[in-house]
Protein backbone atom coordinates (compact mmCIF):
# COMPACT_ATOMS: atom_id res chain seq x y z
CA UNK A 1 37.56 10.27 -33.12
CA UNK A 2 39.12 9.51 -29.76
CA UNK A 3 41.62 6.71 -29.31
CA UNK A 4 40.86 3.83 -26.95
CA UNK A 5 43.78 4.04 -24.51
CA UNK A 6 43.20 0.51 -23.20
CA UNK A 7 43.75 -1.01 -26.65
CA UNK A 8 47.40 -1.80 -27.38
CA UNK A 9 46.99 -0.96 -31.05
CA UNK A 10 45.27 2.31 -30.16
CA UNK A 11 42.42 1.79 -32.56
CA UNK A 12 39.82 4.53 -32.61
CA UNK A 13 36.28 3.90 -31.45
CA UNK A 14 34.98 3.62 -35.01
CA UNK A 15 37.39 0.79 -35.79
CA UNK A 16 36.51 -0.97 -32.53
CA UNK A 17 32.80 -0.65 -33.33
CA UNK A 18 33.43 -2.28 -36.72
CA UNK A 19 35.15 -5.21 -35.01
CA UNK A 20 32.17 -5.64 -32.70
CA UNK A 21 29.74 -5.58 -35.61
CA UNK A 22 31.89 -8.24 -37.31
CA UNK A 23 31.37 -10.52 -34.34
CA UNK A 24 27.65 -9.84 -34.07
CA UNK A 25 26.73 -10.28 -37.72
CA UNK A 26 28.90 -13.39 -38.12
CA UNK A 27 27.71 -15.19 -35.00
CA UNK A 28 24.02 -14.18 -34.75
CA UNK A 29 21.34 -15.09 -37.25
CA UNK A 30 18.82 -12.58 -35.84
CA UNK A 31 20.04 -9.02 -35.25
CA UNK A 32 17.90 -6.02 -34.38
CA UNK A 33 18.53 -2.56 -33.02
CA UNK A 34 16.58 -0.62 -30.42
CA UNK A 35 16.09 2.75 -32.14
CA UNK A 36 14.67 5.78 -30.32
CA UNK A 37 15.45 8.52 -32.83
CA UNK A 38 18.15 10.00 -30.60
CA UNK A 39 21.75 10.73 -31.53
CA UNK A 40 23.25 7.53 -30.09
CA UNK A 41 20.78 5.01 -31.49
CA UNK A 42 20.82 7.00 -34.74
CA UNK A 43 24.59 6.61 -35.11
CA UNK A 44 24.36 2.93 -34.22
CA UNK A 45 21.65 2.41 -36.83
CA UNK A 46 23.77 4.19 -39.46
CA UNK A 47 26.78 2.06 -38.51
CA UNK A 48 24.70 -1.09 -39.07
CA UNK A 49 23.18 0.14 -42.34
CA UNK A 50 26.64 0.99 -43.70
CA UNK A 51 28.03 -2.36 -42.50
CA UNK A 52 25.27 -4.37 -44.21
CA UNK A 53 25.62 -2.46 -47.49
CA UNK A 54 29.44 -2.51 -47.46
CA UNK A 55 29.59 -6.27 -46.88
CA UNK A 56 26.61 -6.97 -49.13
CA UNK A 57 24.95 -9.09 -46.46
CA UNK A 58 21.92 -11.08 -47.52
CA UNK A 59 20.05 -10.25 -44.34
CA UNK A 60 17.72 -7.66 -42.97
CA UNK A 61 18.35 -5.65 -39.84
CA UNK A 62 15.47 -5.54 -37.39
CA UNK A 63 14.56 -2.09 -36.08
CA UNK A 64 12.60 -1.94 -32.83
CA UNK A 65 11.07 1.50 -32.30
CA UNK A 66 8.89 2.25 -29.29
CA UNK A 67 6.58 5.09 -30.30
CA UNK A 68 5.70 6.98 -27.12
CA UNK A 69 3.00 9.10 -28.84
CA UNK A 70 4.37 12.35 -27.37
CA UNK A 71 7.60 13.36 -29.07
CA UNK A 72 9.05 16.25 -31.03
CA UNK A 73 7.73 16.36 -34.59
CA UNK A 74 11.33 16.57 -35.81
CA UNK A 75 12.09 13.28 -34.10
CA UNK A 76 9.08 11.63 -35.72
CA UNK A 77 10.09 13.04 -39.12
CA UNK A 78 13.65 11.72 -38.67
CA UNK A 79 12.42 8.25 -37.71
CA UNK A 80 10.04 8.18 -40.69
CA UNK A 81 12.73 9.34 -43.11
CA UNK A 82 15.57 7.00 -42.15
CA UNK A 83 13.27 3.96 -42.02
CA UNK A 84 11.77 4.75 -45.42
CA UNK A 85 15.17 5.48 -47.02
CA UNK A 86 16.54 2.07 -45.98
CA UNK A 87 13.42 -0.09 -46.14
CA UNK A 88 15.13 -2.53 -48.53
CA UNK A 89 17.38 -3.81 -45.72
CA UNK A 90 15.27 -3.07 -42.63
CA UNK A 91 12.66 -5.19 -40.89
CA UNK A 92 10.73 -2.60 -38.88
CA UNK A 93 8.84 -3.19 -35.63
CA UNK A 94 7.21 0.13 -34.82
CA UNK A 95 5.32 -0.37 -31.59
CA UNK A 96 2.38 1.67 -30.26
CA UNK A 97 1.11 0.05 -27.05
CA UNK A 98 -0.34 1.43 -23.79
CA UNK A 99 2.33 0.25 -21.36
CA UNK A 100 3.05 2.28 -18.25
CA UNK A 101 5.66 5.07 -18.46
CA UNK A 102 6.92 6.96 -15.42
CA UNK A 103 6.16 10.66 -15.13
CA UNK A 104 7.66 13.27 -12.82
CA UNK A 105 5.31 16.11 -13.74
CA UNK A 106 2.61 15.46 -11.18
CA UNK A 107 2.08 14.59 -7.55
CA UNK A 108 -1.11 12.77 -8.60
CA UNK A 109 0.24 10.62 -11.41
CA UNK A 110 3.16 8.19 -11.14
CA UNK A 111 2.75 7.00 -14.71
CA UNK A 112 0.88 7.60 -17.95
CA UNK A 113 0.04 5.37 -20.91
CA UNK A 114 0.80 6.33 -24.52
CA UNK A 115 -1.89 5.31 -27.01
CA UNK A 116 -4.37 4.50 -24.26
CA UNK A 117 -7.64 3.77 -26.02
CA UNK A 118 -9.81 5.51 -23.41
CA UNK A 119 -7.79 8.69 -24.04
CA UNK A 120 -8.05 8.57 -27.81
CA UNK A 121 -9.73 11.99 -27.97
CA UNK A 122 -6.66 13.46 -26.19
CA UNK A 123 -3.95 11.73 -28.21
CA UNK A 124 -1.30 14.23 -29.23
CA UNK A 125 -1.28 12.87 -32.78
CA UNK A 126 -2.96 10.13 -34.82
CA UNK A 127 -1.45 6.68 -34.55
CA UNK A 128 0.92 6.06 -37.50
CA UNK A 129 -0.05 3.53 -40.15
CA UNK A 130 1.34 0.00 -40.28
CA UNK A 131 2.38 -0.10 -36.64
CA UNK A 132 2.18 -2.94 -34.16
CA UNK A 133 -0.41 -2.53 -31.42
CA UNK A 134 -1.37 -4.41 -28.28
CA UNK A 135 -3.22 -7.07 -30.27
CA UNK A 136 0.13 -8.13 -31.75
CA UNK A 137 1.68 -8.92 -28.37
CA UNK A 138 -0.06 -11.62 -26.34
CA UNK A 139 2.44 -11.09 -23.50
CA UNK A 140 1.35 -7.48 -22.90
CA UNK A 141 -0.27 -7.06 -19.47
CA UNK A 142 -2.10 -4.06 -18.06
CA UNK A 143 0.48 -3.45 -15.33
CA UNK A 144 3.49 -3.78 -17.63
CA UNK A 145 6.07 -0.95 -17.71
CA UNK A 146 7.88 0.13 -20.87
CA UNK A 147 11.23 -1.32 -19.74
CA UNK A 148 9.56 -4.66 -18.97
CA UNK A 149 7.97 -4.68 -22.42
CA UNK A 150 11.42 -4.31 -24.01
CA UNK A 151 12.66 -7.43 -22.23
CA UNK A 152 9.59 -9.42 -23.23
CA UNK A 153 9.87 -8.22 -26.83
CA UNK A 154 13.38 -9.66 -27.16
CA UNK A 155 12.24 -13.17 -26.26
CA UNK A 156 9.05 -12.80 -28.34
CA UNK A 157 11.03 -11.83 -31.44
CA UNK A 158 13.57 -14.61 -30.85
CA UNK A 159 10.77 -17.19 -30.90
CA UNK A 160 8.93 -15.52 -33.78
CA UNK A 161 12.05 -15.65 -35.94
CA UNK A 162 12.87 -19.19 -34.80
CA UNK A 163 16.37 -17.88 -34.33
CA UNK A 164 19.40 -19.78 -33.13
CA UNK A 165 20.83 -16.67 -31.49
CA UNK A 166 19.35 -13.17 -31.22
CA UNK A 167 21.32 -9.94 -30.74
CA UNK A 168 19.66 -6.72 -29.64
CA UNK A 169 21.90 -3.71 -30.30
CA UNK A 170 21.49 -0.81 -27.88
CA UNK A 171 23.07 2.61 -28.37
CA UNK A 172 24.12 3.51 -24.85
CA UNK A 173 27.44 5.08 -23.85
CA UNK A 174 29.13 4.97 -20.45
CA UNK A 175 29.85 8.70 -20.66
CA UNK A 176 26.14 9.48 -20.36
CA UNK A 177 25.58 8.40 -16.74
CA UNK A 178 26.74 6.20 -13.91
CA UNK A 179 23.78 3.87 -14.47
CA UNK A 180 24.92 3.29 -18.03
CA UNK A 181 28.49 2.71 -16.88
CA UNK A 182 27.13 0.16 -14.41
CA UNK A 183 25.17 -1.55 -17.21
CA UNK A 184 28.45 -2.25 -18.98
CA UNK A 185 30.81 -2.94 -16.11
CA UNK A 186 28.42 -4.31 -13.47
CA UNK A 187 27.80 -7.68 -15.11
CA UNK A 188 29.36 -10.95 -14.00
CA UNK A 189 31.24 -13.06 -16.56
CA UNK A 190 28.41 -15.58 -16.64
CA UNK A 191 26.10 -12.86 -18.01
CA UNK A 192 28.39 -11.97 -20.92
CA UNK A 193 28.62 -13.40 -24.42
CA UNK A 194 32.06 -15.01 -24.70
CA UNK A 195 33.32 -12.63 -22.01
CA UNK A 196 32.75 -9.53 -24.16
CA UNK A 197 32.26 -6.70 -21.65
CA UNK A 198 29.94 -4.92 -24.08
CA UNK A 199 27.33 -7.70 -23.96
CA UNK A 200 24.64 -8.89 -21.55
CA UNK A 201 22.50 -12.02 -21.55
CA UNK A 202 18.77 -11.31 -21.20
CA UNK A 203 17.40 -14.78 -22.01
CA UNK A 204 18.54 -18.12 -23.42
CA UNK A 205 20.45 -17.36 -26.63
CA UNK A 206 19.32 -13.71 -26.49
CA UNK A 207 21.85 -10.97 -25.76
CA UNK A 208 22.00 -7.19 -25.56
CA UNK A 209 25.07 -5.66 -27.22
CA UNK A 210 26.46 -2.14 -26.75
CA UNK A 211 28.81 -1.57 -29.73
CA UNK A 212 29.39 2.17 -29.06
CA UNK A 213 29.63 2.03 -25.26
CA UNK A 214 33.08 3.71 -25.31
CA UNK A 215 32.18 6.58 -27.68
CA UNK A 216 32.16 10.17 -26.47
CA UNK A 217 29.56 12.74 -27.50
CA UNK A 218 32.17 14.35 -29.76
CA UNK A 219 32.65 10.98 -31.51
CA UNK A 220 28.93 10.86 -32.26
CA UNK A 221 28.98 14.22 -34.02
CA UNK A 222 32.32 13.58 -35.69
CA UNK A 223 30.90 10.41 -37.25
CA UNK A 224 27.75 12.19 -38.44
CA UNK A 225 29.87 14.89 -40.08
CA UNK A 226 32.58 12.66 -41.54
CA UNK A 227 30.23 10.10 -43.07
CA UNK A 228 27.37 12.46 -43.94
CA UNK A 229 24.87 10.43 -41.95
CA UNK A 230 21.29 11.52 -41.51
CA UNK A 231 20.52 12.66 -37.96
CA UNK A 232 17.71 14.18 -35.94
CA UNK A 233 17.72 17.90 -36.75
CA UNK A 234 16.19 18.56 -33.35
CA UNK A 235 19.76 18.65 -32.07
CA UNK A 236 20.46 21.71 -34.24
CA UNK A 237 17.64 23.53 -32.46
CA UNK A 238 18.91 22.33 -29.07
CA UNK A 239 22.29 23.85 -29.95
CA UNK A 240 20.73 27.13 -31.07
CA UNK A 241 18.75 27.22 -27.81
CA UNK A 242 22.01 27.04 -25.85
CA UNK A 243 21.63 23.49 -24.56
CA UNK A 244 25.05 21.97 -23.82
CA UNK A 245 25.82 19.09 -26.21
CA UNK A 246 26.29 16.73 -23.25
CA UNK A 247 22.71 17.44 -22.11
CA UNK A 248 20.98 17.16 -25.48
CA UNK A 249 18.82 14.05 -25.23
CA UNK A 250 15.78 12.61 -26.93
CA UNK A 251 13.73 10.80 -24.31
CA UNK A 252 10.23 10.33 -23.01
CA UNK A 253 9.49 13.97 -22.06
CA UNK A 254 8.15 13.37 -18.56
CA UNK A 255 10.89 11.27 -16.92
CA UNK A 256 13.15 13.00 -14.40
CA UNK A 257 16.09 13.26 -16.83
CA UNK A 258 13.96 15.28 -19.28
CA UNK A 259 12.21 17.65 -16.88
CA UNK A 260 14.74 20.48 -17.10
CA UNK A 261 14.33 20.67 -20.89
CA UNK A 262 10.57 20.12 -20.99
CA UNK A 263 9.93 23.86 -21.39
CA UNK A 264 11.74 23.83 -24.76
CA UNK A 265 8.71 22.14 -26.32
CA UNK A 266 6.89 25.47 -26.07
CA UNK A 267 9.26 27.20 -28.47
CA UNK A 268 10.54 24.29 -30.58
CA UNK A 269 7.24 22.49 -31.17
CA UNK A 270 4.37 24.69 -29.93
CA UNK A 271 1.64 22.64 -31.62
CA UNK A 272 2.70 19.51 -29.76
CA UNK A 273 3.07 21.48 -26.53
CA UNK A 274 -0.50 22.73 -26.78
CA UNK A 275 -1.74 19.13 -26.84
CA UNK A 276 0.70 17.82 -24.22
CA UNK A 277 -0.65 20.00 -21.43
CA UNK A 278 -4.04 18.31 -21.73
CA UNK A 279 -2.60 14.82 -22.07
CA UNK A 280 -0.59 14.36 -18.86
CA UNK A 281 -1.21 15.94 -15.46
CA UNK A 282 1.14 18.74 -14.37
CA UNK A 283 2.90 19.33 -17.69
CA UNK A 284 2.20 23.07 -17.88
CA UNK A 285 3.35 23.68 -14.29
CA UNK A 286 6.51 21.67 -14.90
CA UNK A 287 7.19 23.58 -18.10
CA UNK A 288 7.06 26.85 -16.16
CA UNK A 289 8.81 25.83 -12.93
CA UNK A 290 10.76 22.71 -13.94
CA UNK A 291 14.13 24.51 -13.80
CA UNK A 292 13.45 26.38 -10.55
CA UNK A 293 13.69 25.60 -6.83
CA UNK A 294 9.89 25.21 -6.84
CA UNK A 295 10.56 21.75 -8.26
CA UNK A 296 13.93 21.23 -6.59
CA UNK A 297 15.90 21.93 -9.76
CA UNK A 298 18.12 24.76 -8.51
CA UNK A 299 19.49 25.81 -5.13
CA UNK A 300 16.74 24.91 -2.70
CA UNK A 301 16.20 27.36 0.15
CA UNK A 302 14.78 26.28 3.48
CA UNK A 303 11.65 28.28 4.39
CA UNK A 304 12.07 30.46 7.46
CA UNK A 305 11.13 28.76 10.72
CA UNK A 306 11.55 25.22 9.34
CA UNK A 307 14.07 22.46 9.65
CA UNK A 308 14.38 20.16 6.65
CA UNK A 309 12.53 17.49 8.59
CA UNK A 310 9.63 19.81 9.43
CA UNK A 311 9.59 21.12 5.86
CA UNK A 312 9.40 17.53 4.60
CA UNK A 313 6.42 16.89 6.87
CA UNK A 314 4.75 20.03 5.55
CA UNK A 315 5.30 18.94 1.95
CA UNK A 316 3.91 15.49 2.73
CA UNK A 317 0.80 17.07 4.23
CA UNK A 318 0.03 18.76 0.90
CA UNK A 319 0.07 15.53 -1.11
CA UNK A 320 -2.77 13.17 -2.08
CA UNK A 321 -3.09 10.25 0.33
CA UNK A 322 -1.75 7.59 -2.03
CA UNK A 323 1.26 9.70 -2.99
CA UNK A 324 2.00 10.54 0.65
CA UNK A 325 1.91 6.85 1.60
CA UNK A 326 4.34 6.05 -1.21
CA UNK A 327 6.92 8.56 0.05
CA UNK A 328 6.47 7.51 3.67
CA UNK A 329 6.98 3.88 2.73
CA UNK A 330 10.20 4.80 0.93
CA UNK A 331 11.35 6.88 3.88
CA UNK A 332 10.65 4.21 6.50
CA UNK A 333 12.45 1.61 4.39
CA UNK A 334 15.47 3.88 4.06
CA UNK A 335 15.60 4.78 7.76
CA UNK A 336 15.52 1.09 8.69
CA UNK A 337 18.23 0.33 6.12
CA UNK A 338 20.62 2.98 7.47
CA UNK A 339 19.98 1.88 11.06
CA UNK A 340 20.41 -1.88 10.57
CA UNK A 341 22.50 -2.51 7.45
CA UNK A 342 24.15 0.78 6.60
CA UNK A 343 25.12 2.38 3.35
CA UNK A 344 28.56 1.80 1.84
CA UNK A 345 30.81 4.87 2.02
CA UNK A 346 34.44 5.50 1.15
CA UNK A 347 37.05 5.93 3.89
CA UNK A 348 37.38 9.59 2.87
CA UNK A 349 33.65 10.20 3.36
CA UNK A 350 33.68 8.30 6.66
CA UNK A 351 36.49 10.51 7.94
CA UNK A 352 34.52 13.63 7.00
CA UNK A 353 31.57 12.37 9.08
CA UNK A 354 33.91 11.67 12.01
CA UNK A 355 35.46 15.14 11.72
CA UNK A 356 31.94 16.64 11.83
CA UNK A 357 31.30 14.60 15.00
CA UNK A 358 28.32 12.82 13.45
CA UNK A 359 27.48 9.61 15.33
CA UNK A 360 28.13 6.62 13.07
CA UNK A 361 28.92 2.92 13.37
CA UNK A 362 31.35 1.56 10.80
CA UNK A 363 31.65 -2.10 9.87
CA UNK A 364 34.65 -3.54 8.09
CA UNK A 365 32.90 -6.02 5.80
CA UNK A 366 30.03 -5.83 3.37
CA UNK A 367 27.97 -8.29 1.33
CA UNK A 368 28.34 -5.95 -1.64
CA UNK A 369 31.17 -6.10 -4.19
CA UNK A 370 32.88 -2.88 -3.10
CA UNK A 371 35.93 -1.58 -1.29
CA UNK A 372 33.71 0.82 0.62
CA UNK A 373 32.57 0.05 4.14
CA UNK A 374 28.99 -0.06 5.49
CA UNK A 375 28.10 2.83 7.78
CA UNK A 376 25.08 2.80 10.09
CA UNK A 377 23.66 6.15 11.12
CA UNK A 378 20.50 8.14 11.74
CA UNK A 379 18.98 10.50 9.21
CA UNK A 380 20.50 13.98 9.29
CA UNK A 381 18.65 17.21 8.61
CA UNK A 382 21.27 18.34 6.08
CA UNK A 383 25.00 18.06 5.49
CA UNK A 384 27.36 20.32 3.57
CA UNK A 385 29.89 18.00 1.97
CA UNK A 386 30.48 17.09 -1.71
CA UNK A 387 29.14 13.59 -1.01
CA UNK A 388 25.72 15.02 -0.09
CA UNK A 389 23.88 12.52 -2.31
CA UNK A 390 25.45 9.57 -0.48
CA UNK A 391 24.25 10.62 2.98
CA UNK A 392 20.67 10.12 4.31
CA UNK A 393 19.15 13.54 4.92
CA UNK A 394 15.67 15.00 5.10
CA UNK A 395 16.75 17.64 2.59
CA UNK A 396 17.19 14.93 -0.05
CA UNK A 397 13.69 13.69 0.71
CA UNK A 398 12.35 17.22 0.22
CA UNK A 399 14.03 17.30 -3.18
CA UNK A 400 12.36 14.01 -4.15
CA UNK A 401 8.94 15.36 -3.22
CA UNK A 402 9.41 18.65 -5.05
CA UNK A 403 10.65 16.82 -8.15
CA UNK A 404 7.71 14.40 -8.13
CA UNK A 405 10.31 11.66 -7.97
CA UNK A 406 7.85 8.92 -6.99
CA UNK A 407 10.50 6.21 -7.33
CA UNK A 408 12.91 8.27 -5.17
CA UNK A 409 15.80 7.69 -7.53
CA UNK A 410 17.51 10.77 -6.11
CA UNK A 411 17.53 9.09 -2.71
CA UNK A 412 18.63 5.65 -3.86
CA UNK A 413 15.85 4.13 -1.73
CA UNK A 414 15.18 0.42 -1.54
CA UNK A 415 12.20 -0.93 -3.49
CA UNK A 416 8.72 -1.04 -2.02
CA UNK A 417 6.99 -4.40 -1.60
CA UNK A 418 4.99 -3.84 -4.77
CA UNK A 419 8.10 -2.90 -6.75
CA UNK A 420 9.97 -5.86 -5.28
CA UNK A 421 7.20 -8.18 -6.47
CA UNK A 422 7.50 -6.65 -9.93
CA UNK A 423 11.27 -7.16 -9.88
CA UNK A 424 10.89 -10.74 -8.64
CA UNK A 425 8.41 -11.43 -11.44
CA UNK A 426 10.86 -10.18 -14.06
CA UNK A 427 13.72 -12.17 -12.51
CA UNK A 428 11.56 -15.29 -12.53
CA UNK A 429 10.83 -14.83 -16.21
CA UNK A 430 14.54 -14.59 -16.94
CA UNK A 431 15.91 -16.92 -14.28
CA UNK A 432 18.07 -18.69 -16.87
CA UNK A 433 20.34 -15.67 -16.81
CA UNK A 434 21.65 -16.61 -13.40
CA UNK A 435 21.57 -20.42 -13.68
């Protein structure tokens, strides 16, 4: 396992994880883990199981598993097996509720609902026995998203257990993505538990902890091999299919991060695939074209006779009215932002824009915590620099449309009014975080 270079004793990541578990289990009376069935949460669960058995703790570990209905059978089998094998020390919360989950398979659907009662005849599989459903959660609302449910669940469980302090363990690693790096390093000290960087306050006396945030993918598989831990055998099939180990993920199959591997369902789990294509709009098309330029997933070529702006307008004209309005709202918000506030760019990127004689206005100060400077500019048609994703272009908007990226994550757009209201609602519920 790799050494942590920032630690003066050069402890490896396994030893550091043990120290973090020491802190958590000694200082929190209610500990649970968010377990998806993937490699990271699987290793974290095994770490906790081993820790409890080794130290002979007279406590049970909570396991929070969101069952999204549509998942590889091998993942379901793995979840069933590890929970059953350790039921003597686990307190399982297996949840099957119809919250909203984003989908990038369709221009008509922005979300779908697992276990939606009105779709029972199209469910991909029967609901498992002894699960928790919507009747168990009085806080569940019709418009609630899956990530909002997770926040609410933490406070609900804290109250249910009448806990003094609750710890939710999450198996994310900074190596996986910038967003995960930001989760760890983007928090202020007031949001941390005793200034531990690998923690985050989500409610009064309720904290998220990330004990394996500094692990690499190779550490995950080294631990599985060295300790003989059970793991999701789906990853063996990913490997045999030629999927790079850094891109092997178990996730909701219709989010943007999973689109490029959606087609693998057809060969790995054909029975599930046959039911999926009737369950969510656009799945079959995405399975066929999800890795091609037809969905913006490879080198995108501009059709002859078009600029990127005119091509964007053409794409918008093919969309349903509601979807078209969503993208236009995002676009107008972004244009106004770049004209009036400006996006923060590095001095190196700013110089490249100057060298290309692109009209820009650079300010020296920003309200954001960054050494970069805000740059105001108009939308470009396209730009050929490595920092392409930082610059506002119509080509990026075309990519969002082709990818059915309704939230425009690829563009980094500001929130719509409706999304802002949703965010404000969540912040209001957890206002104690910032007070």
